[in-house]
Amino acid sequence: MEKLFENMLWNSRFVVLLAVIASLLTAFAMFYMASVDAYYLISHLGEYLSPDLIGEARKAFRAETVTHVVEVIDGYLLATVLLIFALGLYELFISKIEQAESSEAQSVLAIHSLDDLKTRLGRVVLMILIVTFFEHAISMDFNGPIDLLALAGGIALIGLTLYLSHAEEH
């Protein structure tokens, strides 16, 4: 009876395959959406040459285009988080991925522990937050010195966060 229960308990780890498959499908959906956004972004860049865009109109179009670029980057980063999450869960609960282990290049996708998965996901999530901060900073209206001070403080905090996240490597 104990052997049967332990066997069932051990095999229950395969329920993680649902999360792996769902994460992979969601990652593919995000890659698709970001790629479609990138396509439409690039296809509309010809409008930047338009002589009708002068002064504020050109500035607004440029700001909107940069915001869309940041959104595309954000989409790809989110897709990457989902991909790393899916591969990490698979490696931790189901089986090692032989190709990731035998790859000549240091693989960012080879996950050896739950802490390793958390570290890799944390770094990509940090990048998403930085990109989102950048997106909001672009569209921010600066009405006074306090706004500029808040922006500078945010940039300083991002720099400190990046420094601290890389300090643990050394």
N, C-alpha and C. Protein backbone atom coordinates (compact mmCIF):
# COMPACT_ATOMS: atom_id res chain seq x y z
N MET A 1 0.83 -1.19 0.00
CA MET A 1 0.00 0.00 0.00
C MET A 1 0.88 1.27 0.00
N GLU A 2 1.93 1.25 0.82
CA GLU A 2 2.84 2.39 0.89
C GLU A 2 3.53 2.61 -0.45
N LYS A 3 3.97 1.54 -1.07
CA LYS A 3 4.65 1.62 -2.37
C LYS A 3 3.72 2.21 -3.43
N LEU A 4 2.47 1.78 -3.43
CA LEU A 4 1.47 2.28 -4.37
C LEU A 4 1.23 3.78 -4.15
N PHE A 5 1.11 4.18 -2.89
CA PHE A 5 0.88 5.59 -2.58
C PHE A 5 2.08 6.44 -3.00
N GLU A 6 3.30 5.98 -2.72
CA GLU A 6 4.49 6.72 -3.10
C GLU A 6 4.62 6.84 -4.61
N ASN A 7 4.26 5.76 -5.30
CA ASN A 7 4.28 5.79 -6.76
C ASN A 7 3.29 6.82 -7.30
N MET A 8 2.09 6.83 -6.73
CA MET A 8 1.08 7.79 -7.14
C MET A 8 1.54 9.22 -6.80
N LEU A 9 2.12 9.39 -5.63
CA LEU A 9 2.61 10.70 -5.20
C LEU A 9 3.71 11.19 -6.14
N TRP A 10 4.65 10.32 -6.47
CA TRP A 10 5.74 10.69 -7.37
C TRP A 10 5.22 11.05 -8.76
N ASN A 11 4.28 10.27 -9.26
CA ASN A 11 3.74 10.53 -10.59
C ASN A 11 2.82 11.75 -10.64
N SER A 12 2.39 12.24 -9.48
CA SER A 12 1.53 13.43 -9.46
C SER A 12 2.28 14.66 -9.96
N ARG A 13 3.61 14.58 -10.01
CA ARG A 13 4.39 15.71 -10.51
C ARG A 13 4.06 16.01 -11.97
N PHE A 14 3.51 15.04 -12.69
CA PHE A 14 3.20 15.23 -14.10
C PHE A 14 2.06 16.23 -14.32
N VAL A 15 1.36 16.60 -13.25
CA VAL A 15 0.34 17.64 -13.37
C VAL A 15 0.99 18.97 -13.77
N VAL A 16 2.28 19.10 -13.50
CA VAL A 16 3.03 20.30 -13.88
C VAL A 16 3.05 20.45 -15.40
N LEU A 17 2.87 19.35 -16.12
CA LEU A 17 2.83 19.44 -17.60
C LEU A 17 1.73 20.38 -18.07
N LEU A 18 0.64 20.47 -17.32
CA LEU A 18 -0.42 21.41 -17.68
C LEU A 18 0.11 22.84 -17.66
N ALA A 19 0.86 23.18 -16.62
CA ALA A 19 1.44 24.52 -16.53
C ALA A 19 2.49 24.74 -17.62
N VAL A 20 3.26 23.71 -17.92
CA VAL A 20 4.30 23.81 -18.96
C VAL A 20 3.65 24.07 -20.31
N ILE A 21 2.65 23.29 -20.65
CA ILE A 21 1.98 23.44 -21.95
C ILE A 21 1.26 24.78 -22.03
N ALA A 22 0.54 25.15 -20.97
CA ALA A 22 -0.18 26.43 -20.96
C ALA A 22 0.80 27.59 -21.08
N SER A 23 1.93 27.53 -20.38
CA SER A 23 2.93 28.59 -20.46
C SER A 23 3.54 28.68 -21.85
N LEU A 24 3.82 27.53 -22.45
CA LEU A 24 4.37 27.53 -23.81
C LEU A 24 3.39 28.13 -24.81
N LEU A 25 2.13 27.73 -24.71
CA LEU A 25 1.12 28.26 -25.63
C LEU A 25 0.95 29.77 -25.44
N THR A 26 0.97 30.21 -24.18
CA THR A 26 0.86 31.63 -23.90
C THR A 26 2.09 32.38 -24.40
N ALA A 27 3.27 31.77 -24.24
CA ALA A 27 4.51 32.39 -24.75
C ALA A 27 4.43 32.54 -26.26
N PHE A 28 3.98 31.48 -26.96
CA PHE A 28 3.85 31.57 -28.41
C PHE A 28 2.84 32.65 -28.80
N ALA A 29 1.75 32.76 -28.04
CA ALA A 29 0.75 33.80 -28.31
C ALA A 29 1.36 35.19 -28.13
N MET A 30 2.17 35.37 -27.08
CA MET A 30 2.80 36.66 -26.85
C MET A 30 3.84 36.98 -27.93
N PHE A 31 4.61 35.96 -28.35
CA PHE A 31 5.57 36.18 -29.45
C PHE A 31 4.81 36.59 -30.72
N TYR A 32 3.69 35.94 -30.99
CA TYR A 32 2.88 36.26 -32.15
C TYR A 32 2.36 37.69 -32.06
N MET A 33 1.76 38.04 -30.90
CA MET A 33 1.20 39.38 -30.74
C MET A 33 2.28 40.46 -30.86
N ALA A 34 3.42 40.24 -30.23
CA ALA A 34 4.50 41.23 -30.30
C ALA A 34 5.02 41.35 -31.73
N SER A 35 5.08 40.23 -32.45
CA SER A 35 5.56 40.26 -33.83
C SER A 35 4.57 41.00 -34.74
N VAL A 36 3.27 40.78 -34.52
CA VAL A 36 2.26 41.51 -35.30
C VAL A 36 2.36 43.00 -34.98
N ASP A 37 2.52 43.33 -33.71
CA ASP A 37 2.69 44.74 -33.34
C ASP A 37 3.93 45.34 -34.00
N ALA A 38 5.02 44.58 -34.02
CA ALA A 38 6.26 45.05 -34.65
C ALA A 38 6.05 45.26 -36.15
N TYR A 39 5.34 44.34 -36.78
CA TYR A 39 5.06 44.47 -38.21
C TYR A 39 4.28 45.76 -38.50
N TYR A 40 3.21 45.99 -37.75
CA TYR A 40 2.41 47.20 -37.98
C TYR A 40 3.18 48.46 -37.62
N LEU A 41 4.02 48.38 -36.62
CA LEU A 41 4.85 49.53 -36.26
C LEU A 41 5.78 49.88 -37.42
N ILE A 42 6.44 48.89 -37.96
CA ILE A 42 7.38 49.12 -39.06
C ILE A 42 6.64 49.58 -40.31
N SER A 43 5.46 49.01 -40.56
CA SER A 43 4.71 49.39 -41.76
C SER A 43 4.21 50.83 -41.70
N HIS A 44 4.07 51.39 -40.51
CA HIS A 44 3.59 52.77 -40.39
C HIS A 44 4.72 53.78 -40.29
N LEU A 45 5.95 53.33 -40.30
CA LEU A 45 7.07 54.25 -40.17
C LEU A 45 7.24 55.15 -41.40
N GLY A 46 6.71 54.72 -42.53
CA GLY A 46 6.78 55.55 -43.73
C GLY A 46 6.05 56.87 -43.55
N GLU A 47 5.07 56.90 -42.65
CA GLU A 47 4.32 58.13 -42.38
C GLU A 47 5.21 59.20 -41.77
N TYR A 48 6.33 58.80 -41.19
CA TYR A 48 7.24 59.77 -40.56
C TYR A 48 7.87 60.70 -41.60
N LEU A 49 7.93 60.22 -42.85
CA LEU A 49 8.47 61.04 -43.93
C LEU A 49 7.47 62.08 -44.45
N SER A 50 6.22 61.96 -44.05
CA SER A 50 5.18 62.81 -44.57
C SER A 50 5.47 64.29 -44.29
N PRO A 51 5.34 65.12 -45.34
CA PRO A 51 5.55 66.56 -45.13
C PRO A 51 4.45 67.19 -44.27
N ASP A 52 3.34 66.47 -44.09
CA ASP A 52 2.25 66.99 -43.25
C ASP A 52 2.61 66.98 -41.77
N LEU A 53 3.58 66.15 -41.42
CA LEU A 53 4.00 66.07 -40.02
C LEU A 53 5.02 67.17 -39.74
N ILE A 54 4.55 68.21 -39.11
CA ILE A 54 5.46 69.31 -38.78
C ILE A 54 5.25 69.67 -37.30
N GLY A 55 6.29 70.08 -36.68
CA GLY A 55 6.21 70.59 -35.30
C GLY A 55 5.66 69.59 -34.31
N GLU A 56 4.56 69.97 -33.68
CA GLU A 56 3.96 69.15 -32.62
C GLU A 56 3.43 67.82 -33.15
N ALA A 57 2.93 67.80 -34.39
CA ALA A 57 2.41 66.56 -34.96
C ALA A 57 3.53 65.53 -35.11
N ARG A 58 4.70 65.99 -35.58
CA ARG A 58 5.85 65.09 -35.72
C ARG A 58 6.32 64.60 -34.35
N LYS A 59 6.34 65.51 -33.40
CA LYS A 59 6.77 65.16 -32.05
C LYS A 59 5.81 64.14 -31.42
N ALA A 60 4.51 64.34 -31.63
CA ALA A 60 3.52 63.40 -31.10
C ALA A 60 3.63 62.04 -31.79
N PHE A 61 3.83 62.04 -33.11
CA PHE A 61 3.98 60.78 -33.85
C PHE A 61 5.22 60.03 -33.38
N ARG A 62 6.30 60.78 -33.17
CA ARG A 62 7.55 60.17 -32.70
C ARG A 62 7.37 59.56 -31.31
N ALA A 63 6.73 60.31 -30.40
CA ALA A 63 6.50 59.80 -29.04
C ALA A 63 5.61 58.57 -29.08
N GLU A 64 4.60 58.59 -29.93
CA GLU A 64 3.70 57.43 -30.05
C GLU A 64 4.45 56.22 -30.61
N THR A 65 5.32 56.46 -31.58
CA THR A 65 6.10 55.37 -32.17
C THR A 65 7.07 54.77 -31.15
N VAL A 66 7.74 55.62 -30.39
CA VAL A 66 8.66 55.12 -29.36
C VAL A 66 7.89 54.32 -28.32
N THR A 67 6.70 54.79 -27.96
CA THR A 67 5.86 54.05 -27.00
C THR A 67 5.50 52.68 -27.57
N HIS A 68 5.19 52.60 -28.84
CA HIS A 68 4.86 51.31 -29.47
C HIS A 68 6.09 50.40 -29.49
N VAL A 69 7.27 50.96 -29.72
CA VAL A 69 8.50 50.16 -29.69
C VAL A 69 8.68 49.55 -28.30
N VAL A 70 8.44 50.36 -27.28
CA VAL A 70 8.57 49.87 -25.91
C VAL A 70 7.54 48.79 -25.63
N GLU A 71 6.34 48.93 -26.15
CA GLU A 71 5.30 47.91 -25.98
C GLU A 71 5.71 46.60 -26.65
N VAL A 72 6.33 46.69 -27.82
CA VAL A 72 6.80 45.49 -28.51
C VAL A 72 7.88 44.80 -27.68
N ILE A 73 8.82 45.58 -27.17
CA ILE A 73 9.87 45.02 -26.32
C ILE A 73 9.25 44.35 -25.09
N ASP A 74 8.27 45.02 -24.50
CA ASP A 74 7.57 44.49 -23.34
C ASP A 74 6.90 43.14 -23.68
N GLY A 75 6.28 43.06 -24.84
CA GLY A 75 5.63 41.82 -25.26
C GLY A 75 6.63 40.68 -25.42
N TYR A 76 7.76 40.97 -26.05
CA TYR A 76 8.79 39.94 -26.21
C TYR A 76 9.38 39.52 -24.87
N LEU A 77 9.57 40.48 -23.97
CA LEU A 77 10.09 40.12 -22.65
C LEU A 77 9.11 39.24 -21.88
N LEU A 78 7.83 39.55 -21.96
CA LEU A 78 6.83 38.74 -21.29
C LEU A 78 6.79 37.33 -21.89
N ALA A 79 6.90 37.24 -23.19
CA ALA A 79 6.94 35.93 -23.85
C ALA A 79 8.17 35.15 -23.38
N THR A 80 9.28 35.85 -23.21
CA THR A 80 10.50 35.20 -22.73
C THR A 80 10.33 34.69 -21.31
N VAL A 81 9.67 35.47 -20.45
CA VAL A 81 9.39 35.02 -19.08
C VAL A 81 8.60 33.72 -19.11
N LEU A 82 7.58 33.68 -19.93
CA LEU A 82 6.73 32.48 -20.02
C LEU A 82 7.52 31.28 -20.54
N LEU A 83 8.40 31.52 -21.51
CA LEU A 83 9.22 30.44 -22.06
C LEU A 83 10.19 29.91 -21.01
N ILE A 84 10.87 30.80 -20.32
CA ILE A 84 11.80 30.38 -19.27
C ILE A 84 11.05 29.65 -18.17
N PHE A 85 9.86 30.13 -17.82
CA PHE A 85 9.05 29.50 -16.79
C PHE A 85 8.66 28.08 -17.21
N ALA A 86 8.21 27.91 -18.44
CA ALA A 86 7.80 26.59 -18.92
C ALA A 86 8.97 25.61 -18.93
N LEU A 87 10.10 26.05 -19.48
CA LEU A 87 11.27 25.17 -19.54
C LEU A 87 11.81 24.86 -18.15
N GLY A 88 11.78 25.86 -17.28
CA GLY A 88 12.25 25.65 -15.91
C GLY A 88 11.38 24.66 -15.15
N LEU A 89 10.07 24.81 -15.26
CA LEU A 89 9.18 23.86 -14.60
C LEU A 89 9.39 22.44 -15.11
N TYR A 90 9.57 22.33 -16.43
CA TYR A 90 9.78 21.01 -17.01
C TYR A 90 11.06 20.38 -16.47
N GLU A 91 12.13 21.18 -16.45
CA GLU A 91 13.41 20.64 -15.97
C GLU A 91 13.36 20.29 -14.49
N LEU A 92 12.66 21.08 -13.70
CA LEU A 92 12.63 20.84 -12.27
C LEU A 92 11.74 19.67 -11.88
N PHE A 93 10.62 19.49 -12.57
CA PHE A 93 9.64 18.50 -12.14
C PHE A 93 9.54 17.26 -13.01
N ILE A 94 9.90 17.38 -14.27
CA ILE A 94 9.67 16.25 -15.18
C ILE A 94 10.99 15.59 -15.56
N SER A 95 11.85 16.29 -16.29
CA SER A 95 13.08 15.68 -16.78
C SER A 95 14.05 16.76 -17.23
N LYS A 96 15.32 16.45 -17.18
CA LYS A 96 16.34 17.36 -17.71
C LYS A 96 16.20 17.44 -19.23
N ILE A 97 16.45 18.62 -19.77
CA ILE A 97 16.43 18.79 -21.22
C ILE A 97 17.86 18.61 -21.70
N GLU A 98 18.11 17.51 -22.36
CA GLU A 98 19.47 17.13 -22.76
C GLU A 98 20.12 18.17 -23.66
N GLN A 99 19.37 18.75 -24.59
CA GLN A 99 19.93 19.73 -25.50
C GLN A 99 20.40 20.98 -24.76
N ALA A 100 19.69 21.35 -23.72
CA ALA A 100 20.09 22.52 -22.94
C ALA A 100 21.38 22.24 -22.17
N GLU A 101 21.52 21.02 -21.69
CA GLU A 101 22.71 20.65 -20.92
C GLU A 101 23.94 20.50 -21.81
N SER A 102 23.74 19.99 -23.03
CA SER A 102 24.89 19.71 -23.90
C SER A 102 25.21 20.86 -24.86
N SER A 103 24.49 21.95 -24.75
CA SER A 103 24.71 23.09 -25.63
C SER A 103 26.09 23.69 -25.37
N GLU A 104 26.78 24.08 -26.45
CA GLU A 104 28.11 24.68 -26.32
C GLU A 104 28.01 26.06 -25.68
N ALA A 105 27.02 26.81 -26.05
CA ALA A 105 26.83 28.14 -25.47
C ALA A 105 26.21 27.99 -24.09
N GLN A 106 26.59 28.88 -23.19
CA GLN A 106 25.99 28.84 -21.86
C GLN A 106 24.50 29.12 -22.03
N SER A 107 23.70 28.17 -21.64
CA SER A 107 22.28 28.29 -21.89
C SER A 107 21.58 29.00 -20.75
N VAL A 108 20.85 30.04 -21.11
CA VAL A 108 20.05 30.74 -20.13
C VAL A 108 18.83 29.90 -19.77
N LEU A 109 18.57 28.88 -20.58
CA LEU A 109 17.39 28.06 -20.39
C LEU A 109 17.65 26.80 -19.56
N ALA A 110 18.88 26.55 -19.18
CA ALA A 110 19.19 25.39 -18.34
C ALA A 110 18.93 25.77 -16.89
N ILE A 111 17.92 25.17 -16.30
CA ILE A 111 17.51 25.47 -14.93
C ILE A 111 17.87 24.27 -14.06
N HIS A 112 18.59 24.53 -12.94
CA HIS A 112 19.04 23.44 -12.10
C HIS A 112 18.38 23.40 -10.73
N SER A 113 17.74 24.51 -10.34
CA SER A 113 17.07 24.54 -9.04
C SER A 113 15.95 25.56 -9.08
N LEU A 114 15.12 25.53 -8.06
CA LEU A 114 14.04 26.49 -7.98
C LEU A 114 14.58 27.90 -7.80
N ASP A 115 15.68 28.04 -7.06
CA ASP A 115 16.31 29.35 -6.91
C ASP A 115 16.85 29.86 -8.25
N ASP A 116 17.40 28.96 -9.05
CA ASP A 116 17.89 29.32 -10.38
C ASP A 116 16.74 29.85 -11.24
N LEU A 117 15.60 29.17 -11.19
CA LEU A 117 14.43 29.59 -11.95
C LEU A 117 13.94 30.95 -11.45
N LYS A 118 13.87 31.12 -10.14
CA LYS A 118 13.43 32.40 -9.58
C LYS A 118 14.38 33.54 -9.97
N THR A 119 15.67 33.28 -9.96
CA THR A 119 16.64 34.31 -10.32
C THR A 119 16.48 34.73 -11.77
N ARG A 120 16.37 33.74 -12.65
CA ARG A 120 16.22 34.06 -14.08
C ARG A 120 14.91 34.79 -14.37
N LEU A 121 13.83 34.31 -13.75
CA LEU A 121 12.54 34.97 -13.95
C LEU A 121 12.58 36.38 -13.36
N GLY A 122 13.19 36.52 -12.19
CA GLY A 122 13.27 37.83 -11.54
C GLY A 122 13.99 38.85 -12.40
N ARG A 123 15.04 38.43 -13.06
CA ARG A 123 15.80 39.36 -13.91
C ARG A 123 14.97 39.80 -15.12
N VAL A 124 14.23 38.87 -15.70
CA VAL A 124 13.42 39.25 -16.86
C VAL A 124 12.25 40.13 -16.42
N VAL A 125 11.66 39.82 -15.28
CA VAL A 125 10.58 40.66 -14.75
C VAL A 125 11.12 42.05 -14.44
N LEU A 126 12.33 42.13 -13.91
CA LEU A 126 12.97 43.43 -13.65
C LEU A 126 13.11 44.21 -14.96
N MET A 127 13.51 43.53 -16.02
CA MET A 127 13.62 44.20 -17.32
C MET A 127 12.26 44.69 -17.81
N ILE A 128 11.21 43.91 -17.58
CA ILE A 128 9.87 44.34 -17.97
C ILE A 128 9.48 45.60 -17.20
N LEU A 129 9.80 45.62 -15.90
CA LEU A 129 9.48 46.80 -15.10
C LEU A 129 10.26 48.03 -15.57
N ILE A 130 11.51 47.83 -15.94
CA ILE A 130 12.32 48.94 -16.44
C ILE A 130 11.75 49.47 -17.75
N VAL A 131 11.36 48.55 -18.64
CA VAL A 131 10.78 48.96 -19.92
C VAL A 131 9.46 49.70 -19.68
N THR A 132 8.66 49.21 -18.74
CA THR A 132 7.39 49.88 -18.43
C THR A 132 7.63 51.27 -17.84
N PHE A 133 8.63 51.38 -16.98
CA PHE A 133 9.00 52.69 -16.44
C PHE A 133 9.40 53.63 -17.57
N PHE A 134 10.20 53.13 -18.49
CA PHE A 134 10.63 53.92 -19.65
C PHE A 134 9.42 54.37 -20.47
N GLU A 135 8.48 53.45 -20.66
CA GLU A 135 7.28 53.77 -21.44
C GLU A 135 6.50 54.91 -20.77
N HIS A 136 6.34 54.84 -19.46
CA HIS A 136 5.62 55.90 -18.76
C HIS A 136 6.42 57.20 -18.71
N ALA A 137 7.73 57.08 -18.60
CA ALA A 137 8.57 58.29 -18.55
C ALA A 137 8.51 59.06 -19.86
N ILE A 138 8.37 58.34 -20.97
CA ILE A 138 8.28 59.00 -22.28
C ILE A 138 7.02 59.85 -22.38
N SER A 139 5.92 59.32 -21.87
CA SER A 139 4.64 60.03 -22.02
C SER A 139 4.33 60.96 -20.85
N MET A 140 5.25 61.04 -19.90
CA MET A 140 5.01 61.86 -18.71
C MET A 140 5.10 63.35 -19.04
N ASP A 141 4.17 64.12 -18.48
CA ASP A 141 4.21 65.57 -18.62
C ASP A 141 4.96 66.14 -17.42
N PHE A 142 5.98 66.93 -17.70
CA PHE A 142 6.77 67.53 -16.63
C PHE A 142 6.25 68.94 -16.37
N ASN A 143 5.58 69.08 -15.24
CA ASN A 143 4.96 70.37 -14.92
C ASN A 143 5.76 71.18 -13.91
N GLY A 144 6.84 70.62 -13.42
CA GLY A 144 7.63 71.37 -12.45
C GLY A 144 8.86 70.59 -12.04
N PRO A 145 9.65 71.18 -11.17
CA PRO A 145 10.88 70.53 -10.73
C PRO A 145 10.63 69.24 -9.95
N ILE A 146 9.49 69.12 -9.29
CA ILE A 146 9.19 67.91 -8.53
C ILE A 146 9.04 66.72 -9.48
N ASP A 147 8.44 66.95 -10.64
CA ASP A 147 8.29 65.87 -11.63
C ASP A 147 9.65 65.41 -12.13
N LEU A 148 10.54 66.35 -12.39
CA LEU A 148 11.89 66.00 -12.83
C LEU A 148 12.65 65.27 -11.73
N LEU A 149 12.44 65.69 -10.50
CA LEU A 149 13.08 65.03 -9.36
C LEU A 149 12.56 63.61 -9.20
N ALA A 150 11.26 63.42 -9.40
CA ALA A 150 10.68 62.08 -9.31
C ALA A 150 11.25 61.18 -10.42
N LEU A 151 11.40 61.71 -11.62
CA LEU A 151 11.99 60.94 -12.72
C LEU A 151 13.43 60.58 -12.40
N ALA A 152 14.19 61.54 -11.91
CA ALA A 152 15.59 61.27 -11.55
C ALA A 152 15.68 60.24 -10.44
N GLY A 153 14.78 60.33 -9.46
CA GLY A 153 14.76 59.34 -8.38
C GLY A 153 14.44 57.95 -8.89
N GLY A 154 13.49 57.87 -9.82
CA GLY A 154 13.15 56.58 -10.42
C GLY A 154 14.32 55.99 -11.18
N ILE A 155 15.03 56.82 -11.93
CA ILE A 155 16.20 56.36 -12.68
C ILE A 155 17.29 55.90 -11.72
N ALA A 156 17.49 56.65 -10.63
CA ALA A 156 18.49 56.26 -9.63
C ALA A 156 18.13 54.92 -8.99
N LEU A 157 16.86 54.71 -8.69
CA LEU A 157 16.42 53.44 -8.10
C LEU A 157 16.60 52.28 -9.08
N ILE A 158 16.35 52.53 -10.36
CA ILE A 158 16.57 51.49 -11.37
C ILE A 158 18.05 51.14 -11.43
N GLY A 159 18.91 52.15 -11.43
CA GLY A 159 20.35 51.90 -11.44
C GLY A 159 20.79 51.11 -10.23
N LEU A 160 20.28 51.46 -9.05
CA LEU A 160 20.62 50.74 -7.82
C LEU A 160 20.13 49.30 -7.89
N THR A 161 18.93 49.11 -8.39
CA THR A 161 18.38 47.75 -8.52
C THR A 161 19.22 46.90 -9.45
N LEU A 162 19.61 47.47 -10.59
CA LEU A 162 20.46 46.72 -11.52
C LEU A 162 21.81 46.40 -10.89
N TYR A 163 22.38 47.36 -10.18
CA TYR A 163 23.66 47.13 -9.51
C TYR A 163 23.53 46.00 -8.48
N LEU A 164 22.49 46.05 -7.66
CA LEU A 164 22.31 45.03 -6.63
C LEU A 164 21.99 43.65 -7.23
N SER A 165 21.27 43.63 -8.33
CA SER A 165 20.93 42.34 -8.93
C SER A 165 22.16 41.69 -9.57
N HIS A 166 23.14 42.49 -9.99
CA HIS A 166 24.36 41.93 -10.56
C HIS A 166 25.45 41.77 -9.53
N ALA A 167 25.32 42.43 -8.37
CA ALA A 167 26.35 42.34 -7.33
C ALA A 167 26.42 40.93 -6.75
N GLU A 168 25.30 40.22 -6.76
CA GLU A 168 25.30 38.86 -6.20
C GLU A 168 26.10 37.87 -7.06
N GLU A 169 26.34 38.22 -8.32
CA GLU A 169 27.13 37.34 -9.20
C GLU A 169 28.60 37.37 -8.85
N HIS A 170 29.06 38.47 -8.29
CA HIS A 170 30.49 38.64 -8.05
C HIS A 170 30.87 38.40 -6.63
